[in-house]
PDB file of N, CA and C in Angstrom:
ATOM      1  N   MET A   1      62.868 100.151 135.346  1.00  0.00           N
ATOM      2  CA  MET A   1      62.173  98.894 135.199  1.00  0.00           C
ATOM      3  C   MET A   1      62.126  98.471 133.728  1.00  0.00           C
ATOM      4  N   TYR A   2      61.694  99.384 132.905  1.00  0.00           N
ATOM      5  CA  TYR A   2      61.613  99.053 131.490  1.00  0.00           C
ATOM      6  C   TYR A   2      62.952  99.338 130.844  1.00  0.00           C
ATOM      7  N   LYS A   3      63.610  98.299 130.418  1.00  0.00           N
ATOM      8  CA  LYS A   3      64.981  98.429 129.953  1.00  0.00           C
ATOM      9  C   LYS A   3      65.085  98.719 128.469  1.00  0.00           C
ATOM     10  N   ILE A   4      64.133  98.228 127.710  1.00  0.00           N
ATOM     11  CA  ILE A   4      64.252  98.336 126.265  1.00  0.00           C
ATOM     12  C   ILE A   4      63.006  98.987 125.697  1.00  0.00           C
ATOM     13  N   LEU A   5      63.198 100.016 124.917  1.00  0.00           N
ATOM     14  CA  LEU A   5      62.078 100.601 124.193  1.00  0.00           C
ATOM     15  C   LEU A   5      62.098  99.977 122.815  1.00  0.00           C
ATOM     16  N   LEU A   6      61.045  99.279 122.508  1.00  0.00           N
ATOM     17  CA  LEU A   6      60.995  98.554 121.243  1.00  0.00           C
ATOM     18  C   LEU A   6      60.021  99.248 120.318  1.00  0.00           C
ATOM     19  N   PHE A   7      60.525  99.749 119.222  1.00  0.00           N
ATOM     20  CA  PHE A   7      59.664 100.384 118.239  1.00  0.00           C
ATOM     21  C   PHE A   7      59.325  99.372 117.160  1.00  0.00           C
ATOM     22  N   LEU A   8      58.098  99.090 117.027  1.00  0.00           N
ATOM     23  CA  LEU A   8      57.645  98.210 115.963  1.00  0.00           C
ATOM     24  C   LEU A   8      56.499  98.916 115.261  1.00  0.00           C
ATOM     25  N   PHE A   9      56.710  99.321 114.062  1.00  0.00           N
ATOM     26  CA  PHE A   9      55.692 100.042 113.322  1.00  0.00           C
ATOM     27  C   PHE A   9      54.950  99.058 112.440  1.00  0.00           C
ATOM     28  N   PHE A  10      53.680  99.039 112.599  1.00  0.00           N
ATOM     29  CA  PHE A  10      52.844  98.117 111.839  1.00  0.00           C
ATOM     30  C   PHE A  10      52.684  98.634 110.425  1.00  0.00           C
ATOM     31  N   VAL A  11      53.194  97.888 109.477  1.00  0.00           N
ATOM     32  CA  VAL A  11      53.056  98.199 108.068  1.00  0.00           C
ATOM     33  C   VAL A  11      52.443  96.966 107.425  1.00  0.00           C
ATOM     34  N   PRO A  12      51.161  97.023 107.063  1.00  0.00           N
ATOM     35  CA  PRO A  12      50.479  95.827 106.552  1.00  0.00           C
ATOM     36  C   PRO A  12      51.208  95.133 105.416  1.00  0.00           C
ATOM     37  N   SER A  13      51.830  95.885 104.515  1.00  0.00           N
ATOM     38  CA  SER A  13      52.497  95.239 103.386  1.00  0.00           C
ATOM     39  C   SER A  13      53.723  94.449 103.816  1.00  0.00           C
ATOM     40  N   LEU A  14      54.383  94.857 104.905  1.00  0.00           N
ATOM     41  CA  LEU A  14      55.554  94.125 105.374  1.00  0.00           C
ATOM     42  C   LEU A  14      55.180  92.840 106.090  1.00  0.00           C
ATOM     43  N   PHE A  15      54.018  92.829 106.735  1.00  0.00           N
ATOM     44  CA  PHE A  15      53.606  91.677 107.511  1.00  0.00           C
ATOM     45  C   PHE A  15      52.455  90.941 106.859  1.00  0.00           C
ATOM     46  N   ALA A  16      52.256  91.129 105.565  1.00  0.00           N
ATOM     47  CA  ALA A  16      51.143  90.473 104.890  1.00  0.00           C
ATOM     48  C   ALA A  16      51.359  88.969 104.922  1.00  0.00           C
ATOM     49  N   GLN A  17      50.462  88.281 105.567  1.00  0.00           N
ATOM     50  CA  GLN A  17      50.532  86.832 105.709  1.00  0.00           C
ATOM     51  C   GLN A  17      49.139  86.277 105.511  1.00  0.00           C
ATOM     52  N   SER A  18      49.063  85.037 105.098  1.00  0.00           N
ATOM     53  CA  SER A  18      47.757  84.406 104.985  1.00  0.00           C
ATOM     54  C   SER A  18      47.227  84.022 106.359  1.00  0.00           C
ATOM     55  N   ASP A  19      48.103  83.828 107.320  1.00  0.00           N
ATOM     56  CA  ASP A  19      47.710  83.456 108.672  1.00  0.00           C
ATOM     57  C   ASP A  19      47.591  84.719 109.504  1.00  0.00           C
ATOM     58  N   THR A  20      46.378  85.053 109.937  1.00  0.00           N
ATOM     59  CA  THR A  20      46.178  86.289 110.680  1.00  0.00           C
ATOM     60  C   THR A  20      46.818  86.252 112.058  1.00  0.00           C
ATOM     61  N   ASN A  21      47.230  85.091 112.553  1.00  0.00           N
ATOM     62  CA  ASN A  21      47.941  85.020 113.826  1.00  0.00           C
ATOM     63  C   ASN A  21      49.332  85.627 113.735  1.00  0.00           C
ATOM     64  N   CYS A  22      49.816  85.829 112.511  1.00  0.00           N
ATOM     65  CA  CYS A  22      51.156  86.374 112.318  1.00  0.00           C
ATOM     66  C   CYS A  22      51.175  87.889 112.390  1.00  0.00           C
ATOM     67  N   VAL A  23      50.045  88.509 112.254  1.00  0.00           N
ATOM     68  CA  VAL A  23      49.994  89.960 112.197  1.00  0.00           C
ATOM     69  C   VAL A  23      49.440  90.497 113.505  1.00  0.00           C
ATOM     70  N   GLU A  24      50.259  91.280 114.178  1.00  0.00           N
ATOM     71  CA  GLU A  24      49.806  91.940 115.399  1.00  0.00           C
ATOM     72  C   GLU A  24      50.137  93.410 115.265  1.00  0.00           C
ATOM     73  N   PRO A  25      49.137  94.278 115.332  1.00  0.00           N
ATOM     74  CA  PRO A  25      49.398  95.708 115.165  1.00  0.00           C
ATOM     75  C   PRO A  25      50.103  96.291 116.382  1.00  0.00           C
ATOM     76  N   PHE A  26      51.375  96.585 116.218  1.00  0.00           N
ATOM     77  CA  PHE A  26      52.152  97.210 117.280  1.00  0.00           C
ATOM     78  C   PHE A  26      52.300  98.673 116.931  1.00  0.00           C
ATOM     79  N   GLY A  27      52.390  99.479 117.883  1.00  0.00           N
ATOM     80  CA  GLY A  27      52.759 100.869 117.688  1.00  0.00           C
ATOM     81  C   GLY A  27      54.128 101.006 118.298  1.00  0.00           C
ATOM     82  N   CYS A  28      54.173 101.669 119.404  1.00  0.00           N
ATOM     83  CA  CYS A  28      55.392 101.806 120.174  1.00  0.00           C
ATOM     84  C   CYS A  28      55.081 101.204 121.533  1.00  0.00           C
ATOM     85  N   MET A  29      55.937 100.340 122.024  1.00  0.00           N
ATOM     86  CA  MET A  29      55.656  99.731 123.318  1.00  0.00           C
ATOM     87  C   MET A  29      56.937  99.576 124.119  1.00  0.00           C
ATOM     88  N   TRP A  30      56.782  99.585 125.428  1.00  0.00           N
ATOM     89  CA  TRP A  30      57.882  99.347 126.343  1.00  0.00           C
ATOM     90  C   TRP A  30      57.936  97.857 126.632  1.00  0.00           C
ATOM     91  N   VAL A  31      59.092  97.281 126.445  1.00  0.00           N
ATOM     92  CA  VAL A  31      59.270  95.864 126.737  1.00  0.00           C
ATOM     93  C   VAL A  31      60.201  95.773 127.938  1.00  0.00           C
ATOM     94  N   SER A  32      59.716  95.163 129.011  1.00  0.00           N
ATOM     95  CA  SER A  32      60.547  95.063 130.198  1.00  0.00           C
ATOM     96  C   SER A  32      61.600  93.969 130.058  1.00  0.00           C
ATOM     97  N   LYS A  33      61.305  92.959 129.250  1.00  0.00           N
ATOM     98  CA  LYS A  33      62.266  91.887 128.985  1.00  0.00           C
ATOM     99  C   LYS A  33      62.040  91.409 127.560  1.00  0.00           C
ATOM    100  N   MET A  34      63.039  91.558 126.715  1.00  0.00           N
ATOM    101  CA  MET A  34      62.933  91.157 125.316  1.00  0.00           C
ATOM    102  C   MET A  34      63.150  89.655 125.189  1.00  0.00           C
ATOM    103  N   VAL A  35      62.757  89.112 124.060  1.00  0.00           N
ATOM    104  CA  VAL A  35      62.955  87.689 123.761  1.00  0.00           C
ATOM    105  C   VAL A  35      64.428  87.337 123.905  1.00  0.00           C
ATOM    106  N   GLU A  36      64.684  86.165 124.476  1.00  0.00           N
ATOM    107  CA  GLU A  36      66.048  85.653 124.590  1.00  0.00           C
ATOM    108  C   GLU A  36      66.167  84.371 123.790  1.00  0.00           C
ATOM    109  N   LEU A  37      67.222  84.265 123.024  1.00  0.00           N
ATOM    110  CA  LEU A  37      67.553  83.035 122.309  1.00  0.00           C
ATOM    111  C   LEU A  37      68.430  82.221 123.249  1.00  0.00           C
ATOM    112  N   VAL A  38      67.943  81.085 123.697  1.00  0.00           N
ATOM    113  CA  VAL A  38      68.686  80.254 124.644  1.00  0.00           C
ATOM    114  C   VAL A  38      69.993  79.803 123.989  1.00  0.00           C
ATOM    115  N   GLY A  39      71.109  80.130 124.635  1.00  0.00           N
ATOM    116  CA  GLY A  39      72.427  79.784 124.096  1.00  0.00           C
ATOM    117  C   GLY A  39      73.030  80.890 123.261  1.00  0.00           C
ATOM    118  N   GLY A  40      72.230  81.857 122.824  1.00  0.00           N
ATOM    119  CA  GLY A  40      72.719  82.983 122.037  1.00  0.00           C
ATOM    120  C   GLY A  40      72.907  82.663 120.562  1.00  0.00           C
ATOM    121  N   LEU A  41      73.233  83.696 119.807  1.00  0.00           N
ATOM    122  CA  LEU A  41      73.409  83.556 118.352  1.00  0.00           C
ATOM    123  C   LEU A  41      74.581  82.652 117.995  1.00  0.00           C
ATOM    124  N   ASP A  42      75.648  82.705 118.781  1.00  0.00           N
ATOM    125  CA  ASP A  42      76.824  81.882 118.474  1.00  0.00           C
ATOM    126  C   ASP A  42      76.483  80.394 118.493  1.00  0.00           C
ATOM    127  N   SER A  43      75.711  79.982 119.495  1.00  0.00           N
ATOM    128  CA  SER A  43      75.354  78.563 119.570  1.00  0.00           C
ATOM    129  C   SER A  43      74.450  78.166 118.407  1.00  0.00           C
ATOM    130  N   LEU A  44      73.604  79.095 117.973  1.00  0.00           N
ATOM    131  CA  LEU A  44      72.723  78.818 116.834  1.00  0.00           C
ATOM    132  C   LEU A  44      73.547  78.669 115.558  1.00  0.00           C
ATOM    133  N   ASN A  45      74.488  79.594 115.352  1.00  0.00           N
ATOM    134  CA  ASN A  45      75.318  79.546 114.149  1.00  0.00           C
ATOM    135  C   ASN A  45      76.251  78.334 114.123  1.00  0.00           C
ATOM    136  N   GLN A  46      76.589  77.784 115.293  1.00  0.00           N
ATOM    137  CA  GLN A  46      77.434  76.592 115.346  1.00  0.00           C
ATOM    138  C   GLN A  46      76.683  75.335 114.916  1.00  0.00           C
ATOM    139  N   LYS A  47      75.370  75.399 114.876  1.00  0.00           N
ATOM    140  CA  LYS A  47      74.552  74.237 114.503  1.00  0.00           C
ATOM    141  C   LYS A  47      74.240  74.183 113.006  1.00  0.00           C
ATOM    142  N   ILE A  48      74.822  75.087 112.239  1.00  0.00           N
ATOM    143  CA  ILE A  48      74.559  75.119 110.799  1.00  0.00           C
ATOM    144  C   ILE A  48      75.072  73.849 110.142  1.00  0.00           C
ATOM    145  N   ILE A  49      74.224  73.246 109.331  1.00  0.00           N
ATOM    146  CA  ILE A  49      74.640  72.164 108.439  1.00  0.00           C
ATOM    147  C   ILE A  49      74.750  72.830 107.070  1.00  0.00           C
ATOM    148  N   TYR A  50      75.978  73.077 106.659  1.00  0.00           N
ATOM    149  CA  TYR A  50      76.201  73.855 105.432  1.00  0.00           C
ATOM    150  C   TYR A  50      75.600  73.133 104.227  1.00  0.00           C
ATOM    151  N   PRO A  51      74.719  73.793 103.483  1.00  0.00           N
ATOM    152  CA  PRO A  51      74.104  73.159 102.308  1.00  0.00           C
ATOM    153  C   PRO A  51      75.153  72.826 101.240  1.00  0.00           C
ATOM    154  N   SER A  52      75.012  71.673 100.615  1.00  0.00           N
ATOM    155  CA  SER A  52      75.991  71.236  99.616  1.00  0.00           C
ATOM    156  C   SER A  52      76.077  72.202  98.431  1.00  0.00           C
ATOM    157  N   GLU A  53      74.947  72.766  98.013  1.00  0.00           N
ATOM    158  CA  GLU A  53      74.966  73.731  96.897  1.00  0.00           C
ATOM    159  C   GLU A  53      75.748  74.990  97.278  1.00  0.00           C
ATOM    160  N   ALA A  54      75.600  75.430  98.519  1.00  0.00           N
ATOM    161  CA  ALA A  54      76.326  76.612  98.985  1.00  0.00           C
ATOM    162  C   ALA A  54      77.817  76.321  99.063  1.00  0.00           C
ATOM    163  N   LEU A  55      78.184  75.115  99.504  1.00  0.00           N
ATOM    164  CA  LEU A  55      79.600  74.717  99.531  1.00  0.00           C
ATOM    165  C   LEU A  55      80.174  74.672  98.115  1.00  0.00           C
ATOM    166  N   LYS A  56      79.410  74.070  97.219  1.00  0.00           N
ATOM    167  CA  LYS A  56      79.844  73.917  95.824  1.00  0.00           C
ATOM    168  C   LYS A  56      80.104  75.278  95.171  1.00  0.00           C
ATOM    169  N   HIS A  57      79.246  76.264  95.470  1.00  0.00           N
ATOM    170  CA  HIS A  57      79.367  77.592  94.858  1.00  0.00           C
ATOM    171  C   HIS A  57      80.092  78.600  95.755  1.00  0.00           C
ATOM    172  N   LYS A  58      80.644  78.097  96.875  1.00  0.00           N
ATOM    173  CA  LYS A  58      81.405  78.935  97.815  1.00  0.00           C
ATOM    174  C   LYS A  58      80.602  80.163  98.268  1.00  0.00           C
ATOM    175  N   ILE A  59      79.374  79.923  98.697  1.00  0.00           N
ATOM    176  CA  ILE A  59      78.476  80.987  99.138  1.00  0.00           C
ATOM    177  C   ILE A  59      78.679  81.274 100.622  1.00  0.00           C
ATOM    178  N   GLU A  60      78.883  82.539 100.939  1.00  0.00           N
ATOM    179  CA  GLU A  60      78.976  83.007 102.317  1.00  0.00           C
ATOM    180  C   GLU A  60      78.081  84.241 102.460  1.00  0.00           C
ATOM    181  N   GLY A  61      77.675  84.528 103.693  1.00  0.00           N
ATOM    182  CA  GLY A  61      76.879  85.727 103.943  1.00  0.00           C
ATOM    183  C   GLY A  61      75.889  85.500 105.064  1.00  0.00           C
ATOM    184  N   LYS A  62      74.918  86.416 105.167  1.00  0.00           N
ATOM    185  CA  LYS A  62      73.912  86.348 106.224  1.00  0.00           C
ATOM    186  C   LYS A  62      72.528  86.146 105.627  1.00  0.00           C
ATOM    187  N   VAL A  63      71.751  85.321 106.305  1.00  0.00           N
ATOM    188  CA  VAL A  63      70.333  85.160 105.995  1.00  0.00           C
ATOM    189  C   VAL A  63      69.585  85.766 107.167  1.00  0.00           C
ATOM    190  N   TYR A  64      68.675  86.698 106.881  1.00  0.00           N
ATOM    191  CA  TYR A  64      67.874  87.330 107.924  1.00  0.00           C
ATOM    192  C   TYR A  64      66.504  86.675 107.951  1.00  0.00           C
ATOM    193  N   VAL A  65      66.166  86.132 109.113  1.00  0.00           N
ATOM    194  CA  VAL A  65      64.911  85.404 109.281  1.00  0.00           C
ATOM    195  C   VAL A  65      64.043  86.150 110.283  1.00  0.00           C
ATOM    196  N   GLU A  66      62.793  86.398 109.895  1.00  0.00           N
ATOM    197  CA  GLU A  66      61.839  87.024 110.806  1.00  0.00           C
ATOM    198  C   GLU A  66      60.905  85.954 111.345  1.00  0.00           C
ATOM    199  N   THR A  67      60.596  86.055 112.624  1.00  0.00           N
ATOM    200  CA  THR A  67      59.648  85.152 113.254  1.00  0.00           C
ATOM    201  C   THR A  67      58.958  85.877 114.397  1.00  0.00           C
ATOM    202  N   PHE A  68      57.792  85.405 114.755  1.00  0.00           N
ATOM    203  CA  PHE A  68      57.106  85.887 115.946  1.00  0.00           C
ATOM    204  C   PHE A  68      57.378  84.852 117.038  1.00  0.00           C
ATOM    205  N   ILE A  69      57.783  85.307 118.216  1.00  0.00           N
ATOM    206  CA  ILE A  69      57.969  84.405 119.356  1.00  0.00           C
ATOM    207  C   ILE A  69      56.739  84.567 120.232  1.00  0.00           C
ATOM    208  N   ASP A  70      55.990  83.475 120.410  1.00  0.00           N
ATOM    209  CA  ASP A  70      54.745  83.549 121.167  1.00  0.00           C
ATOM    210  C   ASP A  70      54.995  83.537 122.671  1.00  0.00           C
ATOM    211  N   THR A  71      53.925  83.555 123.432  1.00  0.00           N
ATOM    212  CA  THR A  71      54.034  83.656 124.890  1.00  0.00           C
ATOM    213  C   THR A  71      54.604  82.401 125.548  1.00  0.00           C
ATOM    214  N   LEU A  72      54.684  81.311 124.802  1.00  0.00           N
ATOM    215  CA  LEU A  72      55.292  80.083 125.314  1.00  0.00           C
ATOM    216  C   LEU A  72      56.749  79.938 124.871  1.00  0.00           C
ATOM    217  N   GLY A  73      57.225  80.893 124.062  1.00  0.00           N
ATOM    218  CA  GLY A  73      58.597  80.842 123.566  1.00  0.00           C
ATOM    219  C   GLY A  73      58.747  80.033 122.286  1.00  0.00           C
ATOM    220  N   HIS A  74      57.637  79.820 121.573  1.00  0.00           N
ATOM    221  CA  HIS A  74      57.690  79.069 120.316  1.00  0.00           C
ATOM    222  C   HIS A  74      57.728  80.025 119.127  1.00  0.00           C
ATOM    223  N   PRO A  75      58.565  79.732 118.126  1.00  0.00           N
ATOM    224  CA  PRO A  75      58.575  80.558 116.919  1.00  0.00           C
ATOM    225  C   PRO A  75      57.343  80.282 116.065  1.00  0.00           C
ATOM    226  N   ASP A  76      56.819  81.321 115.440  1.00  0.00           N
ATOM    227  CA  ASP A  76      55.613  81.217 114.628  1.00  0.00           C
ATOM    228  C   ASP A  76      55.784  82.098 113.395  1.00  0.00           C
ATOM    229  N   CYS A  77      55.254  81.679 112.285  1.00  0.00           N
ATOM    230  CA  CYS A  77      55.273  82.476 111.050  1.00  0.00           C
ATOM    231  C   CYS A  77      56.697  82.837 110.620  1.00  0.00           C
ATOM    232  N   ILE A  78      57.530  81.841 110.476  1.00  0.00           N
ATOM    233  CA  ILE A  78      58.939  82.050 110.133  1.00  0.00           C
ATOM    234  C   ILE A  78      59.053  82.343 108.647  1.00  0.00           C
ATOM    235  N   LYS A  79      59.793  83.413 108.314  1.00  0.00           N
ATOM    236  CA  LYS A  79      60.027  83.716 106.896  1.00  0.00           C
ATOM    237  C   LYS A  79      61.381  84.390 106.718  1.00  0.00           C
ATOM    238  N   VAL A  80      61.975  84.175 105.573  1.00  0.00           N
ATOM    239  CA  VAL A  80      63.248  84.803 105.222  1.00  0.00           C
ATOM    240  C   VAL A  80      62.938  86.194 104.690  1.00  0.00           C
ATOM    241  N   ILE A  81      63.610  87.208 105.249  1.00  0.00           N
ATOM    242  CA  ILE A  81      63.407  88.560 104.726  1.00  0.00           C
ATOM    243  C   ILE A  81      64.583  89.016 103.862  1.00  0.00           C
ATOM    244  N   LYS A  82      65.735  88.353 104.005  1.00  0.00           N
ATOM    245  CA  LYS A  82      66.867  88.575 103.096  1.00  0.00           C
ATOM    246  C   LYS A  82      67.658  87.277 103.064  1.00  0.00           C
ATOM    247  N   GLY A  83      67.696  86.654 101.904  1.00  0.00           N
ATOM    248  CA  GLY A  83      68.321  85.345 101.802  1.00  0.00           C
ATOM    249  C   GLY A  83      69.548  85.308 100.914  1.00  0.00           C
ATOM    250  N   LEU A  84      70.134  84.107 100.843  1.00  0.00           N
ATOM    251  CA  LEU A  84      71.307  83.853 100.006  1.00  0.00           C
ATOM    252  C   LEU A  84      71.031  82.846  98.895  1.00  0.00           C
ATOM    253  N   GLY A  85      69.996  82.036  99.089  1.00  0.00           N
ATOM    254  CA  GLY A  85      69.743  80.965  98.134  1.00  0.00           C
ATOM    255  C   GLY A  85      70.684  79.791  98.367  1.00  0.00           C
ATOM    256  N   TYR A  86      70.772  78.889  97.404  1.00  0.00           N
ATOM    257  CA  TYR A  86      71.670  77.732  97.438  1.00  0.00           C
ATOM    258  C   TYR A  86      71.445  76.825  98.650  1.00  0.00           C
ATOM    259  N   GLY A  87      70.237  76.835  99.198  1.00  0.00           N
ATOM    260  CA  GLY A  87      69.913  75.995 100.338  1.00  0.00           C
ATOM    261  C   GLY A  87      70.122  76.675 101.690  1.00  0.00           C
ATOM    262  N   CYS A  88      70.762  77.858 101.693  1.00  0.00           N
ATOM    263  CA  CYS A  88      71.032  78.572 102.942  1.00  0.00           C
ATOM    264  C   CYS A  88      69.746  79.072 103.601  1.00  0.00           C
ATOM    265  N   ASP A  89      68.792  79.520 102.805  1.00  0.00           N
ATOM    266  CA  ASP A  89      67.532  80.045 103.352  1.00  0.00           C
ATOM    267  C   ASP A  89      66.774  78.951 104.106  1.00  0.00           C
ATOM    268  N   GLU A  90      66.706  77.781 103.517  1.00  0.00           N
ATOM    269  CA  GLU A  90      66.010  76.658 104.148  1.00  0.00           C
ATOM    270  C   GLU A  90      66.718  76.222 105.437  1.00  0.00           C
ATOM    271  N   GLU A  91      68.041  76.233 105.427  1.00  0.00           N
ATOM    272  CA  GLU A  91      68.803  75.872 106.620  1.00  0.00           C
ATOM    273  C   GLU A  91      68.591  76.900 107.729  1.00  0.00           C
ATOM    274  N   ALA A  92      68.541  78.170 107.383  1.00  0.00           N
ATOM    275  CA  ALA A  92      68.295  79.223 108.369  1.00  0.00           C
ATOM    276  C   ALA A  92      66.912  79.059 108.995  1.00  0.00           C
ATOM    277  N   ILE A  93      65.913  78.746 108.186  1.00  0.00           N
ATOM    278  CA  ILE A  93      64.560  78.519 108.700  1.00  0.00           C
ATOM    279  C   ILE A  93      64.562  77.322 109.654  1.00  0.00           C
ATOM    280  N   ARG A  94      65.267  76.258 109.297  1.00  0.00           N
ATOM    281  CA  ARG A  94      65.344  75.074 110.156  1.00  0.00           C
ATOM    282  C   ARG A  94      65.950  75.428 111.512  1.00  0.00           C
ATOM    283  N   LEU A  95      67.031  76.203 111.500  1.00  0.00           N
ATOM    284  CA  LEU A  95      67.696  76.590 112.737  1.00  0.00           C
ATOM    285  C   LEU A  95      66.777  77.419 113.638  1.00  0.00           C
ATOM    286  N   VAL A  96      66.115  78.412 113.059  1.00  0.00           N
ATOM    287  CA  VAL A  96      65.223  79.287 113.830  1.00  0.00           C
ATOM    288  C   VAL A  96      64.032  78.495 114.371  1.00  0.00           C
ATOM    289  N   ALA A  97      63.509  77.579 113.569  1.00  0.00           N
ATOM    290  CA  ALA A  97      62.353  76.777 113.988  1.00  0.00           C
ATOM    291  C   ALA A  97      62.695  75.835 115.138  1.00  0.00           C
ATOM    292  N   ASN A  98      63.922  75.342 115.188  1.00  0.00           N
ATOM    293  CA  ASN A  98      64.320  74.368 116.217  1.00  0.00           C
ATOM    294  C   ASN A  98      64.982  74.987 117.437  1.00  0.00           C
ATOM    295  N   ALA A  99      65.203  76.287 117.413  1.00  0.00           N
ATOM    296  CA  ALA A  99      65.852  76.957 118.547  1.00  0.00           C
ATOM    297  C   ALA A  99      64.875  77.115 119.712  1.00  0.00           C
ATOM    298  N   LYS A 100      65.434  77.323 120.903  1.00  0.00           N
ATOM    299  CA  LYS A 100      64.647  77.544 122.121  1.00  0.00           C
ATOM    300  C   LYS A 100      64.693  79.032 122.463  1.00  0.00           C
ATOM    301  N   TYR A 101      63.554  79.573 122.870  1.00  0.00           N
ATOM    302  CA  TYR A 101      63.436  80.989 123.182  1.00  0.00           C
ATOM    303  C   TYR A 101      62.767  81.196 124.542  1.00  0.00           C
ATOM    304  N   ILE A 102      63.119  82.299 125.179  1.00  0.00           N
ATOM    305  CA  ILE A 102      62.428  82.755 126.381  1.00  0.00           C
ATOM    306  C   ILE A 102      61.599  83.955 125.922  1.00  0.00           C
ATOM    307  N   PRO A 103      60.279  83.941 126.161  1.00  0.00           N
ATOM    308  CA  PRO A 103      59.414  84.991 125.610  1.00  0.00           C
ATOM    309  C   PRO A 103      59.668  86.374 126.212  1.00  0.00           C
ATOM    310  N   ALA A 104      59.147  87.388 125.517  1.00  0.00           N
ATOM    311  CA  ALA A 104      59.240  88.773 125.971  1.00  0.00           C
ATOM    312  C   ALA A 104      58.156  89.056 127.000  1.00  0.00           C
ATOM    313  N   TYR A 105      58.395  90.085 127.803  1.00  0.00           N
ATOM    314  CA  TYR A 105      57.437  90.493 128.835  1.00  0.00           C
ATOM    315  C   TYR A 105      57.163  91.992 128.737  1.00  0.00           C
ATOM    316  N   ILE A 106      55.926  92.356 128.949  1.00  0.00           N
ATOM    317  CA  ILE A 106      55.527  93.742 129.150  1.00  0.00           C
ATOM    318  C   ILE A 106      54.730  93.766 130.449  1.00  0.00           C
ATOM    319  N   ARG A 107      55.199  94.579 131.396  1.00  0.00           N
ATOM    320  CA  ARG A 107      54.531  94.680 132.704  1.00  0.00           C
ATOM    321  C   ARG A 107      54.266  93.297 133.310  1.00  0.00           C
ATOM    322  N   ASN A 108      55.280  92.462 133.343  1.00  0.00           N
ATOM    323  CA  ASN A 108      55.219  91.114 133.917  1.00  0.00           C
ATOM    324  C   ASN A 108      54.222  90.182 133.228  1.00  0.00           C
ATOM    325  N   LYS A 109      53.849  90.501 131.999  1.00  0.00           N
ATOM    326  CA  LYS A 109      52.945  89.647 131.226  1.00  0.00           C
ATOM    327  C   LYS A 109      53.680  89.216 129.951  1.00  0.00           C
ATOM    328  N   LYS A 110      53.661  87.908 129.669  1.00  0.00           N
ATOM    329  CA  LYS A 110      54.292  87.411 128.449  1.00  0.00           C
ATOM    330  C   LYS A 110      53.526  87.939 127.235  1.00  0.00           C
ATOM    331  N   VAL A 111      54.278  88.324 126.195  1.00  0.00           N
ATOM    332  CA  VAL A 111      53.667  88.851 124.980  1.00  0.00           C
ATOM    333  C   VAL A 111      54.318  88.238 123.741  1.00  0.00           C
ATOM    334  N   LYS A 112      53.573  88.191 122.669  1.00  0.00           N
ATOM    335  CA  LYS A 112      54.068  87.719 121.376  1.00  0.00           C
ATOM    336  C   LYS A 112      54.701  88.910 120.655  1.00  0.00           C
ATOM    337  N   VAL A 113      55.959  88.739 120.227  1.00  0.00           N
ATOM    338  CA  VAL A 113      56.662  89.823 119.539  1.00  0.00           C
ATOM    339  C   VAL A 113      57.411  89.288 118.319  1.00  0.00           C
ATOM    340  N   PRO A 114      57.588  90.146 117.310  1.00  0.00           N
ATOM    341  CA  PRO A 114      58.400  89.750 116.155  1.00  0.00           C
ATOM    342  C   PRO A 114      59.874  90.027 116.421  1.00  0.00           C
ATOM    343  N   ILE A 115      60.733  89.170 115.903  1.00  0.00           N
ATOM    344  CA  ILE A 115      62.178  89.396 115.977  1.00  0.00           C
ATOM    345  C   ILE A 115      62.792  89.029 114.631  1.00  0.00           C
ATOM    346  N   VAL A 116      63.960  89.557 114.374  1.00  0.00           N
ATOM    347  CA  VAL A 116      64.732  89.211 113.178  1.00  0.00           C
ATOM    348  C   VAL A 116      66.051  88.619 113.660  1.00  0.00           C
ATOM    349  N   ILE A 117      66.375  87.443 113.136  1.00  0.00           N
ATOM    350  CA  ILE A 117      67.586  86.730 113.542  1.00  0.00           C
ATOM    351  C   ILE A 117      68.520  86.590 112.349  1.00  0.00           C
ATOM    352  N   PRO A 118      69.776  87.061 112.471  1.00  0.00           N
ATOM    353  CA  PRO A 118      70.749  86.857 111.393  1.00  0.00           C
ATOM    354  C   PRO A 118      71.442  85.504 111.566  1.00  0.00           C
ATOM    355  N   ILE A 119      71.431  84.726 110.509  1.00  0.00           N
ATOM    356  CA  ILE A 119      72.155  83.446 110.499  1.00  0.00           C
ATOM    357  C   ILE A 119      73.359  83.645 109.569  1.00  0.00           C
ATOM    358  N   ILE A 120      74.552  83.418 110.126  1.00  0.00           N
ATOM    359  CA  ILE A 120      75.783  83.708 109.389  1.00  0.00           C
ATOM    360  C   ILE A 120      76.344  82.428 108.777  1.00  0.00           C
ATOM    361  N   PHE A 121      76.479  82.440 107.459  1.00  0.00           N
ATOM    362  CA  PHE A 121      77.066  81.314 106.737  1.00  0.00           C
ATOM    363  C   PHE A 121      78.494  81.683 106.358  1.00  0.00           C
ATOM    364  N   LYS A 122      79.444  80.986 106.949  1.00  0.00           N
ATOM    365  CA  LYS A 122      80.852  81.204 106.684  1.00  0.00           C
ATOM    366  C   LYS A 122      81.470  79.860 106.336  1.00  0.00           C
ATOM    367  N   LEU A 123      82.121  79.806 105.210  1.00  0.00           N
ATOM    368  CA  LEU A 123      82.710  78.552 104.755  1.00  0.00           C
ATOM    369  C   LEU A 123      83.739  78.042 105.740  1.00  0.00           C
ATOM    370  N   PRO A 124      83.739  76.723 105.959  1.00  0.00           N
ATOM    371  CA  PRO A 124      84.744  76.145 106.871  1.00  0.00           C
ATOM    372  C   PRO A 124      86.139  76.272 106.267  1.00  0.00           C
ATOM    373  N   HIS A 125      87.123  76.528 107.133  1.00  0.00           N
ATOM    374  CA  HIS A 125      88.519  76.613 106.676  1.00  0.00           C
ATOM    375  C   HIS A 125      89.102  75.217 106.572  1.00  0.00           C
ATOM    376  N   LYS A 126      89.955  75.034 105.579  1.00  0.00           N
ATOM    377  CA  LYS A 126      90.577  73.710 105.391  1.00  0.00           C
ATOM    378  C   LYS A 126      91.875  73.626 106.118  1.00  0.00           C
TER     379      LYS A 126
END
């Protein structure tokens, strides 16, 4: 029944936020259904509007964005945990904020969970 064992260790310094809704003390929990990104990562990465500064400086790479997906499937407390700069971080946040999600479940109950999403910036070929 429980397909995914999700280890989330609560480390206050990693999740330090001014909004207490962003911090949920997890230990180890069984998740019967993990968060789903509607359309998958490929569809998200296809929606990138490449920042002009990143194009100008030929910047490529991954931006890792952390967010909590609430019980309604809405992203909350979005932050970049590893960025590229040159406008890529802001574009990654925009993509994650506008994406559609299906929430996670534990024992048939929707739960709020943190996820990390990699946004891949690859320069268009001419």
